[in-house]
């Protein structure tokens, strides 16, 4: 399909006639818009730049290693419930606490490893290669504050914390099985030192294809907006289009071709950015999905990056009346005032490079939008998460908690250790909180039964004014109740987005122009707005030490 271009702070472009993800409708859906707003006024900031995503130094809280907030029963990384028997973290009788990391929540009596009598000061958590180097049962003097391994007090990179699942898999907590970018496959000392550390912003994980100039030679420069290429970019920018699928693409087709379907799957991708001239390069994929925030390189500088792209026959939302099927196979786009690319590598993921997938169930405020005028926040979330994490966004316009039609598409694909983000509320206007809670609970319990980790996210606020008025109709209370009842993480994006707008110093008109579709839509965001919201979600993942935290880009 086409790309998107949510360069932080790029100028907003009003694209008349383009709609948000809406199902069988010519107008953006996602619930009522909460009132008519007036555009115009002083142009606000370009939007999108957030102070998130940066360097994190924490392991995951719930990770794929166990039940969030308890950590005692880890799926693949050991089955300790009292900390007495840890797999590779030594054989501490009292202080080891977790399978490979030494700091799960059952290492003593407290939730996160705490300052318990047995998890904190035991001398038997000891100095094993995979259990941490402190003499207090884990990574810190109190048994550790993270559920991932490491010897740093916040789950940072260490030389003895490798048991938690390879180099960037600290978020899997006591997993020990699935590796990160370069770790071993056992979670024992083989990944020594990297467990719990965030993935590097640059570099290529083991097993990923090396970028080559031959692959880049298949790319071509096209005008911004050609078949939606580099959608949302200023018209004066450069767009480089790289279509690595079949040759039967027809821009007018609305039904995916057999070739497109056969080339679907999860791709592991590497890029080498930089060149003889200084450059600014934004990377997107498929239907305007953000992959990398704009990368600035100096003349002669070269940087390598890796990421995962989920390729579907329908590149945007799963079902969108009037939307094209997209290009067959993998599509990448490089854009900016002077994008600099020298090499590209890509391959379908194998058993050795199997990604940790994050599935998304939600509505039009979350989905993969097309065209560049609208941007769902999960569409921009890949910018904030490094390999081996990939995003498979099944959010669809008009979806509500009781009629989301893609649970089967998600559950037929997920595997143990994957994640699912669930956000509903905008289209549940006539339902009670109790109804929304009842609608979502079965899907959360199904995920948990499959070893998949749910994260409940409340909807972004409708920008009906600044200060933002009451948003209780979005059912944040219902999603929180589901999360609490099932002991899974909850991100209150309603409150976070409300606080962001209220503290922005903008008028409603300015904020709409900076972050919302067409500069007037109070419900749906633009690409910079989607990036801003994705940044709030990423920061919440870090702040709450949710199990995906170790994969946040530095």
Protein backbone atom coordinates (compact mmCIF):
# COMPACT_ATOMS: atom_id res chain seq x y z
CA UNK A 1 0.00 0.00 0.00
CA UNK A 2 1.18 3.40 0.53
CA UNK A 3 3.21 4.95 3.19
CA UNK A 4 2.68 7.56 5.74
CA UNK A 5 4.85 10.17 6.99
CA UNK A 6 4.50 11.26 10.51
CA UNK A 7 7.74 13.14 10.83
CA UNK A 8 7.64 14.82 14.18
CA UNK A 9 6.78 18.46 13.74
CA UNK A 10 6.17 18.18 10.00
CA UNK A 11 3.62 20.73 8.76
CA UNK A 12 0.02 19.51 8.82
CA UNK A 13 -1.67 19.17 5.50
CA UNK A 14 -5.40 19.31 5.13
CA UNK A 15 -6.48 16.75 2.59
CA UNK A 16 -10.11 17.44 1.77
CA UNK A 17 -12.27 14.44 1.16
CA UNK A 18 -10.07 11.89 2.94
CA UNK A 19 -11.84 10.10 5.72
CA UNK A 20 -10.88 8.32 8.89
CA UNK A 21 -11.08 4.53 9.01
CA UNK A 22 -14.80 4.14 8.59
CA UNK A 23 -16.67 0.99 7.81
CA UNK A 24 -19.16 1.26 4.96
CA UNK A 25 -19.29 4.98 5.39
CA UNK A 26 -18.00 8.06 3.70
CA UNK A 27 -17.42 9.84 6.96
CA UNK A 28 -14.90 9.12 9.72
CA UNK A 29 -16.32 6.93 12.42
CA UNK A 30 -15.39 6.21 15.93
CA UNK A 31 -18.39 7.61 17.65
CA UNK A 32 -19.95 11.01 17.69
CA UNK A 33 -17.54 13.84 17.50
CA UNK A 34 -18.88 15.56 20.52
CA UNK A 35 -19.73 18.84 18.93
CA UNK A 36 -18.78 21.13 16.12
CA UNK A 37 -15.48 22.91 16.36
CA UNK A 38 -14.18 25.82 14.41
CA UNK A 39 -10.89 25.46 12.63
CA UNK A 40 -8.66 28.36 11.80
CA UNK A 41 -6.81 30.50 14.23
CA UNK A 42 -3.13 30.45 14.83
CA UNK A 43 -1.31 27.43 13.46
CA UNK A 44 -0.16 25.23 16.29
CA UNK A 45 3.00 23.23 16.44
CA UNK A 46 3.61 20.65 13.77
CA UNK A 47 2.81 18.06 16.29
CA UNK A 48 3.95 14.65 16.91
CA UNK A 49 7.14 15.20 18.86
CA UNK A 50 6.96 13.52 22.17
CA UNK A 51 9.35 13.05 24.94
CA UNK A 52 8.85 9.35 24.99
CA UNK A 53 10.25 6.30 23.48
CA UNK A 54 13.70 7.26 24.63
CA UNK A 55 16.13 5.22 26.56
CA UNK A 56 14.46 2.93 28.97
CA UNK A 57 16.14 0.96 31.55
CA UNK A 58 13.49 -1.22 32.94
CA UNK A 59 12.46 -4.77 32.37
CA UNK A 60 8.87 -5.67 31.79
CA UNK A 61 6.46 -5.81 34.68
CA UNK A 62 4.13 -8.43 33.36
CA UNK A 63 6.31 -9.42 30.46
CA UNK A 64 5.58 -12.67 28.90
CA UNK A 65 7.04 -14.29 31.87
CA UNK A 66 4.08 -14.53 34.11
CA UNK A 67 0.93 -13.03 35.39
CA UNK A 68 1.33 -9.21 35.71
CA UNK A 69 1.84 -7.94 39.23
CA UNK A 70 2.44 -11.43 40.56
CA UNK A 71 5.08 -12.86 38.28
CA UNK A 72 4.99 -16.12 40.08
CA UNK A 73 3.95 -18.33 37.24
CA UNK A 74 6.00 -17.66 34.16
CA UNK A 75 4.99 -19.27 30.94
CA UNK A 76 8.24 -20.31 29.34
CA UNK A 77 10.86 -19.26 31.76
CA UNK A 78 10.39 -21.45 34.73
CA UNK A 79 7.55 -22.23 37.07
CA UNK A 80 8.62 -20.81 40.37
CA UNK A 81 5.92 -19.43 42.53
CA UNK A 82 7.94 -18.80 45.63
CA UNK A 83 11.35 -17.92 44.29
CA UNK A 84 12.83 -21.05 45.75
CA UNK A 85 13.76 -22.77 42.55
CA UNK A 86 15.09 -20.61 39.73
CA UNK A 87 16.08 -22.12 36.42
CA UNK A 88 19.29 -20.45 35.30
CA UNK A 89 19.54 -17.88 38.01
CA UNK A 90 21.36 -20.12 40.34
CA UNK A 91 19.67 -22.25 42.99
CA UNK A 92 18.77 -19.72 45.62
CA UNK A 93 16.76 -21.20 48.45
CA UNK A 94 15.20 -17.93 49.34
CA UNK A 95 16.48 -15.05 47.27
CA UNK A 96 16.51 -16.22 43.66
CA UNK A 97 12.89 -15.38 43.26
CA UNK A 98 12.49 -15.78 39.51
CA UNK A 99 13.29 -18.28 36.85
CA UNK A 100 16.08 -16.48 35.09
CA UNK A 101 16.06 -12.92 36.26
CA UNK A 102 15.91 -13.04 39.95
CA UNK A 103 13.42 -10.35 40.55
CA UNK A 104 9.87 -11.46 39.88
CA UNK A 105 7.08 -10.38 42.08
CA UNK A 106 7.02 -13.53 44.12
CA UNK A 107 10.59 -13.30 45.31
CA UNK A 108 9.30 -12.40 48.67
CA UNK A 109 6.04 -11.14 49.85
CA UNK A 110 5.76 -7.87 47.95
CA UNK A 111 4.34 -7.33 44.47
CA UNK A 112 7.37 -6.16 42.49
CA UNK A 113 10.13 -7.96 44.25
CA UNK A 114 10.00 -5.42 47.00
CA UNK A 115 11.94 -5.38 50.21
CA UNK A 116 10.99 -8.74 51.51
CA UNK A 117 12.81 -10.79 54.07
CA UNK A 118 13.53 -13.59 51.64
CA UNK A 119 13.70 -11.74 48.33
CA UNK A 120 15.80 -8.83 49.45
CA UNK A 121 18.69 -9.73 51.68
CA UNK A 122 19.26 -13.38 50.96
CA UNK A 123 22.82 -14.28 50.13
CA UNK A 124 21.70 -17.15 47.97
CA UNK A 125 20.22 -15.12 45.08
CA UNK A 126 23.84 -14.66 44.70
CA UNK A 127 26.27 -14.13 41.96
CA UNK A 128 25.05 -16.54 39.31
CA UNK A 129 25.59 -15.64 35.71
CA UNK A 130 21.91 -15.34 35.04
CA UNK A 131 20.47 -14.31 38.32
CA UNK A 132 22.09 -10.95 38.91
CA UNK A 133 25.35 -10.07 40.61
CA UNK A 134 24.01 -8.58 43.78
CA UNK A 135 24.06 -10.58 46.97
CA UNK A 136 20.50 -9.72 47.72
CA UNK A 137 18.52 -12.09 45.59
CA UNK A 138 18.40 -10.15 42.39
CA UNK A 139 19.37 -6.99 40.73
CA UNK A 140 19.09 -4.56 43.59
CA UNK A 141 19.67 -4.44 47.29
CA UNK A 142 16.00 -5.10 47.86
CA UNK A 143 15.39 -7.98 45.55
CA UNK A 144 14.97 -5.87 42.48
CA UNK A 145 12.34 -3.52 41.24
CA UNK A 146 11.79 -5.04 37.84
CA UNK A 147 10.53 -8.34 36.63
CA UNK A 148 13.24 -8.64 34.05
CA UNK A 149 16.74 -9.66 34.84
CA UNK A 150 19.78 -7.49 35.12
CA UNK A 151 22.18 -6.29 37.68
CA UNK A 152 21.27 -2.66 37.29
CA UNK A 153 18.66 -1.36 39.66
CA UNK A 154 16.26 -0.69 36.83
CA UNK A 155 16.80 -3.61 34.56
CA UNK A 156 19.58 -2.12 32.52
CA UNK A 157 22.11 -3.96 30.49
CA UNK A 158 24.48 -6.02 32.61
CA UNK A 159 27.03 -8.68 32.12
CA UNK A 160 25.20 -11.22 34.20
CA UNK A 161 21.56 -10.61 33.49
CA UNK A 162 21.34 -12.67 30.36
CA UNK A 163 18.96 -15.27 31.59
CA UNK A 164 15.84 -13.36 30.86
CA UNK A 165 15.57 -14.17 27.23
CA UNK A 166 18.36 -12.77 25.17
CA UNK A 167 19.42 -9.24 24.35
CA UNK A 168 16.27 -7.27 24.17
CA UNK A 169 13.94 -9.67 25.84
CA UNK A 170 14.07 -8.47 29.40
CA UNK A 171 10.39 -7.74 29.04
CA UNK A 172 9.68 -11.44 28.81
CA UNK A 173 10.71 -11.60 32.46
CA UNK A 174 11.19 -15.16 33.47
CA UNK A 175 10.84 -16.37 29.94
CA UNK A 176 14.27 -17.68 29.21
CA UNK A 177 13.02 -19.17 25.99
CA UNK A 178 12.39 -16.58 23.36
CA UNK A 179 15.50 -14.63 22.58
CA UNK A 180 15.93 -11.04 21.72
CA UNK A 181 17.99 -9.68 18.91
CA UNK A 182 21.25 -11.44 19.61
CA UNK A 183 20.72 -13.65 22.63
CA UNK A 184 20.83 -17.39 22.90
CA UNK A 185 17.78 -19.58 22.78
CA UNK A 186 17.91 -20.84 26.31
CA UNK A 187 17.77 -17.76 28.45
CA UNK A 188 20.60 -19.14 30.53
CA UNK A 189 23.93 -17.41 30.61
CA UNK A 190 24.08 -17.60 26.81
CA UNK A 191 22.57 -14.12 26.51
CA UNK A 192 24.83 -12.89 29.25
CA UNK A 193 24.59 -9.27 29.89
CA UNK A 194 21.90 -8.25 27.48
CA UNK A 195 18.72 -9.34 29.18
CA UNK A 196 16.71 -6.47 30.50
CA UNK A 197 18.42 -3.98 28.20
CA UNK A 198 16.40 -2.00 25.65
CA UNK A 199 17.02 -2.82 22.01
CA UNK A 200 19.58 -0.52 20.47
CA UNK A 201 18.33 2.29 18.32
CA UNK A 202 20.74 1.15 15.66
CA UNK A 203 22.20 -2.16 14.65
CA UNK A 204 21.00 -5.41 13.13
CA UNK A 205 19.87 -8.37 15.27
CA UNK A 206 21.34 -11.80 14.69
CA UNK A 207 19.60 -13.67 11.91
CA UNK A 208 18.17 -10.57 10.24
CA UNK A 209 19.14 -10.05 6.58
CA UNK A 210 22.01 -7.71 5.86
CA UNK A 211 20.99 -4.62 3.89
CA UNK A 212 22.22 -4.60 0.31
CA UNK A 213 22.60 -1.96 -2.37
CA UNK A 214 20.93 -4.33 -4.87
CA UNK A 215 17.68 -4.22 -2.93
CA UNK A 216 17.81 -0.45 -2.75
CA UNK A 217 18.32 -0.35 -6.51
CA UNK A 218 14.75 -1.62 -6.86
CA UNK A 219 13.43 1.64 -5.36
CA UNK A 220 12.44 4.76 -7.26
CA UNK A 221 11.60 8.36 -6.54
CA UNK A 222 7.93 9.27 -6.98
CA UNK A 223 5.91 12.38 -6.35
CA UNK A 224 4.43 12.77 -2.88
CA UNK A 225 0.94 11.30 -2.85
CA UNK A 226 1.35 9.14 -5.95
CA UNK A 227 -1.08 6.32 -5.16
CA UNK A 228 -0.84 7.64 -1.60
CA UNK A 229 2.94 7.17 -1.51
CA UNK A 230 4.49 9.05 1.44
CA UNK A 231 1.03 10.29 2.39
CA UNK A 232 0.95 13.29 4.68
CA UNK A 233 4.35 14.61 3.65
CA UNK A 234 4.80 18.19 2.46
CA UNK A 235 4.53 18.28 -1.32
CA UNK A 236 8.05 19.66 -1.63
CA UNK A 237 9.64 16.68 0.10
CA UNK A 238 11.23 13.73 -1.64
CA UNK A 239 9.54 10.33 -1.63
CA UNK A 240 11.40 7.10 -2.36
CA UNK A 241 9.13 4.14 -3.02
CA UNK A 242 10.33 0.55 -2.64
CA UNK A 243 7.87 -2.17 -3.71
CA UNK A 244 9.25 -5.62 -3.03
CA UNK A 245 6.19 -7.67 -3.91
CA UNK A 246 4.76 -8.91 -7.17
CA UNK A 247 4.13 -6.96 -10.35
CA UNK A 248 0.36 -7.29 -10.63
CA UNK A 249 -0.56 -4.27 -8.54
CA UNK A 250 -3.39 -2.15 -9.95
CA UNK A 251 -4.07 1.11 -8.09
CA UNK A 252 -7.78 0.83 -8.86
CA UNK A 253 -8.26 -2.67 -7.50
CA UNK A 254 -10.33 -3.03 -4.36
CA UNK A 255 -9.87 -6.77 -3.92
CA UNK A 256 -6.40 -8.07 -2.99
CA UNK A 257 -4.85 -10.29 -5.63
CA UNK A 258 -3.72 -13.85 -5.05
CA UNK A 259 -0.16 -12.64 -5.39
CA UNK A 260 -0.67 -10.07 -2.65
CA UNK A 261 -2.15 -12.68 -0.35
CA UNK A 262 0.67 -15.14 -0.95
CA UNK A 263 3.23 -12.52 -0.01
CA UNK A 264 1.60 -11.62 3.29
CA UNK A 265 3.32 -12.34 6.58
CA UNK A 266 5.73 -10.81 9.06
CA UNK A 267 8.88 -9.41 7.48
CA UNK A 268 12.13 -8.66 9.27
CA UNK A 269 13.63 -5.58 7.66
CA UNK A 270 16.97 -3.80 7.85
CA UNK A 271 17.95 -0.44 6.40
CA UNK A 272 21.18 1.48 6.07
CA UNK A 273 20.54 5.20 6.23
CA UNK A 274 22.99 7.96 5.42
CA UNK A 275 25.21 8.79 2.48
CA UNK A 276 27.63 11.25 1.00
CA UNK A 277 25.33 14.17 1.83
CA UNK A 278 23.66 15.12 5.07
CA UNK A 279 20.12 13.86 5.24
CA UNK A 280 16.85 13.51 7.09
CA UNK A 281 15.07 10.22 6.47
CA UNK A 282 11.65 9.16 7.66
CA UNK A 283 10.75 5.48 7.18
CA UNK A 284 7.22 4.20 6.76
CA UNK A 285 5.69 1.01 5.43
CA UNK A 286 2.52 -0.37 3.90
CA UNK A 287 -0.40 1.98 4.51
CA UNK A 288 1.29 5.03 6.02
CA UNK A 289 2.58 3.12 9.02
CA UNK A 290 5.38 4.81 10.91
CA UNK A 291 8.45 2.58 11.27
CA UNK A 292 11.21 5.01 12.26
CA UNK A 293 11.04 8.62 13.32
CA UNK A 294 13.08 10.94 11.14
CA UNK A 295 16.75 10.00 11.28
CA UNK A 296 19.25 12.82 10.83
CA UNK A 297 22.64 11.89 9.40
CA UNK A 298 25.69 14.01 8.69
CA UNK A 299 27.63 13.83 5.44
CA UNK A 300 29.42 10.48 5.25
CA UNK A 301 27.57 9.02 8.26
CA UNK A 302 25.91 5.62 8.02
CA UNK A 303 23.41 4.11 10.50
CA UNK A 304 21.72 0.71 10.40
CA UNK A 305 18.25 0.00 11.79
CA UNK A 306 15.95 -3.00 11.97
CA UNK A 307 12.22 -3.43 12.45
CA UNK A 308 9.33 -5.82 11.84
CA UNK A 309 6.59 -5.14 9.26
CA UNK A 310 3.30 -7.01 9.36
CA UNK A 311 2.20 -7.39 5.73
CA UNK A 312 -1.47 -8.08 5.05
CA UNK A 313 -3.34 -8.24 1.75
CA UNK A 314 -5.42 -5.30 3.00
CA UNK A 315 -2.76 -2.92 4.19
CA UNK A 316 -4.90 -0.52 6.18
CA UNK A 317 -7.79 -1.50 8.40
CA UNK A 318 -9.03 -5.05 7.78
CA UNK A 319 -12.28 -4.02 6.09
CA UNK A 320 -12.70 -0.56 4.68
CA UNK A 321 -15.23 0.12 1.95
CA UNK A 322 -13.66 1.83 -1.03
CA UNK A 323 -10.05 1.33 0.03
CA UNK A 324 -7.58 -0.32 -2.35
CA UNK A 325 -6.11 -3.70 -1.54
CA UNK A 326 -2.66 -2.22 -1.66
CA UNK A 327 0.59 -3.25 -3.25
CA UNK A 328 1.51 -6.94 -3.16
CA UNK A 329 4.18 -7.92 -0.67
CA UNK A 330 6.38 -5.64 1.40
CA UNK A 331 6.35 -1.90 0.69
CA UNK A 332 8.75 0.63 2.21
CA UNK A 333 8.87 4.40 1.81
CA UNK A 334 11.65 6.84 2.64
CA UNK A 335 10.86 10.52 2.75
CA UNK A 336 12.11 13.89 3.91
CA UNK A 337 13.73 17.01 2.56
CA UNK A 338 16.77 14.97 1.61
CA UNK A 339 16.32 11.29 2.50
CA UNK A 340 19.53 9.28 2.43
CA UNK A 341 19.29 5.51 1.93
CA UNK A 342 22.06 3.20 0.72
CA UNK A 343 20.92 -0.37 1.40
CA UNK A 344 17.90 -2.46 2.39
CA UNK A 345 17.45 -6.03 3.61
CA UNK A 346 14.20 -7.93 4.00
CA UNK A 347 12.95 -11.47 4.50
CA UNK A 348 9.92 -13.27 5.80
CA UNK A 349 10.42 -14.12 9.45
CA UNK A 350 11.55 -17.66 10.19
CA UNK A 351 11.55 -19.74 13.33
CA UNK A 352 14.91 -18.21 14.21
CA UNK A 353 13.68 -14.63 13.71
CA UNK A 354 10.09 -15.08 14.87
CA UNK A 355 8.81 -11.71 16.13
CA UNK A 356 6.98 -11.00 19.34
CA UNK A 357 3.72 -9.73 17.90
CA UNK A 358 1.51 -7.07 19.41
CA UNK A 359 -2.03 -7.40 18.05
CA UNK A 360 -4.39 -4.44 18.24
CA UNK A 361 -8.17 -4.59 18.61
CA UNK A 362 -9.84 -1.21 18.45
CA UNK A 363 -11.69 1.44 16.46
CA UNK A 364 -10.97 4.27 14.02
CA UNK A 365 -8.88 6.24 16.52
CA UNK A 366 -6.48 3.30 16.63
CA UNK A 367 -6.46 1.75 13.15
CA UNK A 368 -4.05 1.94 10.23
CA UNK A 369 -5.36 4.90 8.23
CA UNK A 370 -4.72 5.50 4.55
CA UNK A 371 -4.02 8.64 2.59
CA UNK A 372 -2.13 10.79 5.05
CA UNK A 373 -4.89 13.04 6.41
CA UNK A 374 -5.82 10.76 9.31
CA UNK A 375 -3.61 8.73 11.61
CA UNK A 376 -4.53 6.14 14.22
CA UNK A 377 -2.19 5.96 17.20
CA UNK A 378 -1.46 2.24 16.84
CA UNK A 379 -0.50 3.02 13.24
CA UNK A 380 2.37 5.07 14.66
CA UNK A 381 3.28 2.76 17.56
CA UNK A 382 5.95 0.83 15.55
CA UNK A 383 8.11 3.97 15.69
CA UNK A 384 8.55 3.39 19.41
CA UNK A 385 9.21 -0.37 19.55
CA UNK A 386 12.33 -2.09 18.26
CA UNK A 387 12.90 -5.66 17.12
CA UNK A 388 11.89 -8.36 17.70
CA UNK A 389 8.51 -6.67 18.34
CA UNK A 390 6.06 -6.21 15.47
CA UNK A 391 2.59 -4.62 15.39
CA UNK A 392 -0.39 -6.29 13.71
CA UNK A 393 -3.15 -3.70 13.79
CA UNK A 394 -6.64 -5.15 13.28
CA UNK A 395 -8.47 -2.08 14.57
CA UNK A 396 -11.35 -1.11 12.30
CA UNK A 397 -13.63 1.85 11.87
CA UNK A 398 -16.91 1.82 13.69
CA UNK A 399 -15.92 -1.12 15.89
CA UNK A 400 -17.38 -1.35 19.37
CA UNK A 401 -16.75 -3.70 22.27
CA UNK A 402 -19.71 -5.89 21.32
CA UNK A 403 -19.26 -6.08 17.55
CA UNK A 404 -15.55 -6.21 16.78
CA UNK A 405 -15.40 -8.75 13.98
CA UNK A 406 -11.73 -9.67 14.01
CA UNK A 407 -11.17 -11.55 17.24
CA UNK A 408 -10.84 -14.75 15.23
CA UNK A 409 -8.30 -13.19 12.86
CA UNK A 410 -6.17 -12.28 15.85
CA UNK A 411 -6.55 -15.45 17.93
CA UNK A 412 -5.82 -17.67 14.93
CA UNK A 413 -2.44 -15.98 14.57
CA UNK A 414 -1.22 -15.24 18.08
CA UNK A 415 1.21 -17.52 19.87
CA UNK A 416 2.33 -17.83 23.46
CA UNK A 417 4.30 -14.76 24.50
CA UNK A 418 2.54 -12.38 22.11
CA UNK A 419 0.55 -9.34 23.27
CA UNK A 420 -2.82 -7.82 22.49
CA UNK A 421 -3.78 -4.17 23.00
CA UNK A 422 -7.52 -3.65 23.41
CA UNK A 423 -9.20 -0.24 23.11
CA UNK A 424 -12.92 0.34 22.76
CA UNK A 425 -15.33 3.00 23.95
CA UNK A 426 -15.85 5.61 21.23
CA UNK A 427 -18.58 3.56 19.57
CA UNK A 428 -20.15 2.23 22.77
CA UNK A 429 -22.10 5.42 23.37
CA UNK A 430 -25.36 3.70 24.12
CA UNK A 431 -23.85 0.99 26.34
CA UNK A 432 -23.19 1.03 30.05
CA UNK A 433 -19.79 0.44 31.61
CA UNK A 434 -21.07 -2.93 32.82
CA UNK A 435 -21.98 -3.93 29.26
CA UNK A 436 -18.58 -2.92 27.89
CA UNK A 437 -16.88 -4.85 30.68
CA UNK A 438 -18.98 -7.94 29.95
CA UNK A 439 -18.26 -7.67 26.22
CA UNK A 440 -14.48 -7.55 26.64
CA UNK A 441 -13.90 -9.95 29.52
CA UNK A 442 -14.18 -13.17 27.46
CA UNK A 443 -11.53 -11.98 25.01
CA UNK A 444 -9.14 -11.07 27.80
CA UNK A 445 -9.57 -14.44 29.47
CA UNK A 446 -9.08 -16.18 26.10
CA UNK A 447 -5.83 -14.31 25.58
CA UNK A 448 -4.56 -15.21 29.03
CA UNK A 449 -5.47 -18.85 28.49
CA UNK A 450 -3.37 -18.82 25.32
CA UNK A 451 -0.36 -17.30 27.10
CA UNK A 452 -0.94 -13.95 25.37
CA UNK A 453 -0.59 -10.75 27.40
CA UNK A 454 -3.45 -8.21 27.20
CA UNK A 455 -3.06 -4.47 27.76
CA UNK A 456 -6.28 -2.53 28.20
CA UNK A 457 -6.17 1.04 26.84
CA UNK A 458 -8.95 3.57 27.25
CA UNK A 459 -9.80 5.74 24.19
CA UNK A 460 -8.11 9.07 23.50
CA UNK A 461 -10.15 12.05 24.61
CA UNK A 462 -12.37 13.92 22.19
CA UNK A 463 -10.94 17.40 21.81
CA UNK A 464 -14.25 19.13 22.48
CA UNK A 465 -12.58 22.06 24.13
CA UNK A 466 -9.64 23.12 26.28
CA UNK A 467 -9.93 22.40 29.14
CA UNK A 468 -11.19 19.06 27.84
CA UNK A 469 -14.69 18.39 29.23
CA UNK A 470 -15.86 15.20 30.95
CA UNK A 471 -14.98 12.06 28.99
CA UNK A 472 -16.73 9.42 31.07
CA UNK A 473 -18.77 8.35 28.03
CA UNK A 474 -15.61 6.76 26.62
CA UNK A 475 -15.80 3.99 29.24
CA UNK A 476 -12.33 4.28 30.71
CA UNK A 477 -13.84 2.92 33.93
CA UNK A 478 -15.01 -0.23 32.16
CA UNK A 479 -11.61 -0.97 30.65
CA UNK A 480 -9.93 -0.37 33.98
CA UNK A 481 -12.38 -2.76 35.64
CA UNK A 482 -11.56 -5.49 33.10
CA UNK A 483 -7.84 -4.93 33.65
CA UNK A 484 -8.18 -5.01 37.44
CA UNK A 485 -10.35 -8.13 37.47
CA UNK A 486 -7.90 -10.00 35.26
CA UNK A 487 -4.71 -8.55 36.73
CA UNK A 488 -3.49 -7.10 33.43
CA UNK A 489 -2.05 -3.64 32.67
CA UNK A 490 -4.30 -0.66 32.07
CA UNK A 491 -3.26 2.53 30.28
CA UNK A 492 -5.66 5.43 30.79
CA UNK A 493 -5.13 7.16 27.46
CA UNK A 494 -8.30 9.17 28.08
CA UNK A 495 -6.71 10.81 31.10
CA UNK A 496 -3.25 11.06 29.51
CA UNK A 497 -4.53 12.77 26.36
CA UNK A 498 -6.77 15.06 28.41
CA UNK A 499 -3.79 16.11 30.52
CA UNK A 500 -1.67 16.63 27.40
CA UNK A 501 -4.17 18.98 25.78
CA UNK A 502 -4.86 20.85 28.99
CA UNK A 503 -1.14 21.45 29.55
CA UNK A 504 -0.36 22.30 25.91
CA UNK A 505 -0.93 26.02 26.28
CA UNK A 506 -2.96 25.91 23.05
CA UNK A 507 -6.45 26.95 22.26
CA UNK A 508 -8.80 24.25 21.02
CA UNK A 509 -8.40 25.55 17.48
CA UNK A 510 -4.63 25.46 17.67
CA UNK A 511 -4.60 21.93 19.10
CA UNK A 512 -7.00 20.71 16.43
CA UNK A 513 -4.79 22.14 13.71
CA UNK A 514 -1.69 20.62 15.25
CA UNK A 515 -2.94 17.15 16.06
CA UNK A 516 -6.35 16.40 14.55
CA UNK A 517 -7.54 15.31 11.14
CA UNK A 518 -8.46 18.11 8.78
CA UNK A 519 -7.72 20.53 11.62
CA UNK A 520 -11.35 20.25 12.73
CA UNK A 521 -12.17 16.62 13.64
CA UNK A 522 -12.44 16.48 17.43
CA UNK A 523 -12.31 12.66 17.53
CA UNK A 524 -9.76 11.52 14.93
CA UNK A 525 -6.13 12.55 14.90
CA UNK A 526 -3.82 13.38 12.03
CA UNK A 527 -0.53 11.52 11.54
CA UNK A 528 1.30 13.89 13.94
CA UNK A 529 -1.56 13.48 16.40
CA UNK A 530 -1.43 9.72 16.10
CA UNK A 531 2.29 9.87 16.76
CA UNK A 532 1.69 12.06 19.81
CA UNK A 533 -0.83 9.60 21.25
CA UNK A 534 1.43 6.64 20.48
CA UNK A 535 4.13 8.45 22.42
CA UNK A 536 1.83 8.76 25.43
CA UNK A 537 1.14 5.02 25.26
CA UNK A 538 4.85 4.22 24.96
CA UNK A 539 5.64 6.42 27.94
CA UNK A 540 2.95 4.67 29.97
CA UNK A 541 4.47 1.31 29.03
CA UNK A 542 7.78 2.56 30.36
CA UNK A 543 6.39 4.28 33.45
CA UNK A 544 4.33 1.25 34.45
CA UNK A 545 7.18 -1.10 33.59
CA UNK A 546 4.85 -3.18 31.45
CA UNK A 547 6.51 -6.18 29.83
CA UNK A 548 7.00 -4.44 26.48
CA UNK A 549 9.14 -1.77 28.12
CA UNK A 550 12.48 -3.47 27.32
CA UNK A 551 11.68 -3.21 23.61
CA UNK A 552 11.08 0.54 23.55
CA UNK A 553 13.60 2.26 21.32
CA UNK A 554 16.23 4.30 23.09
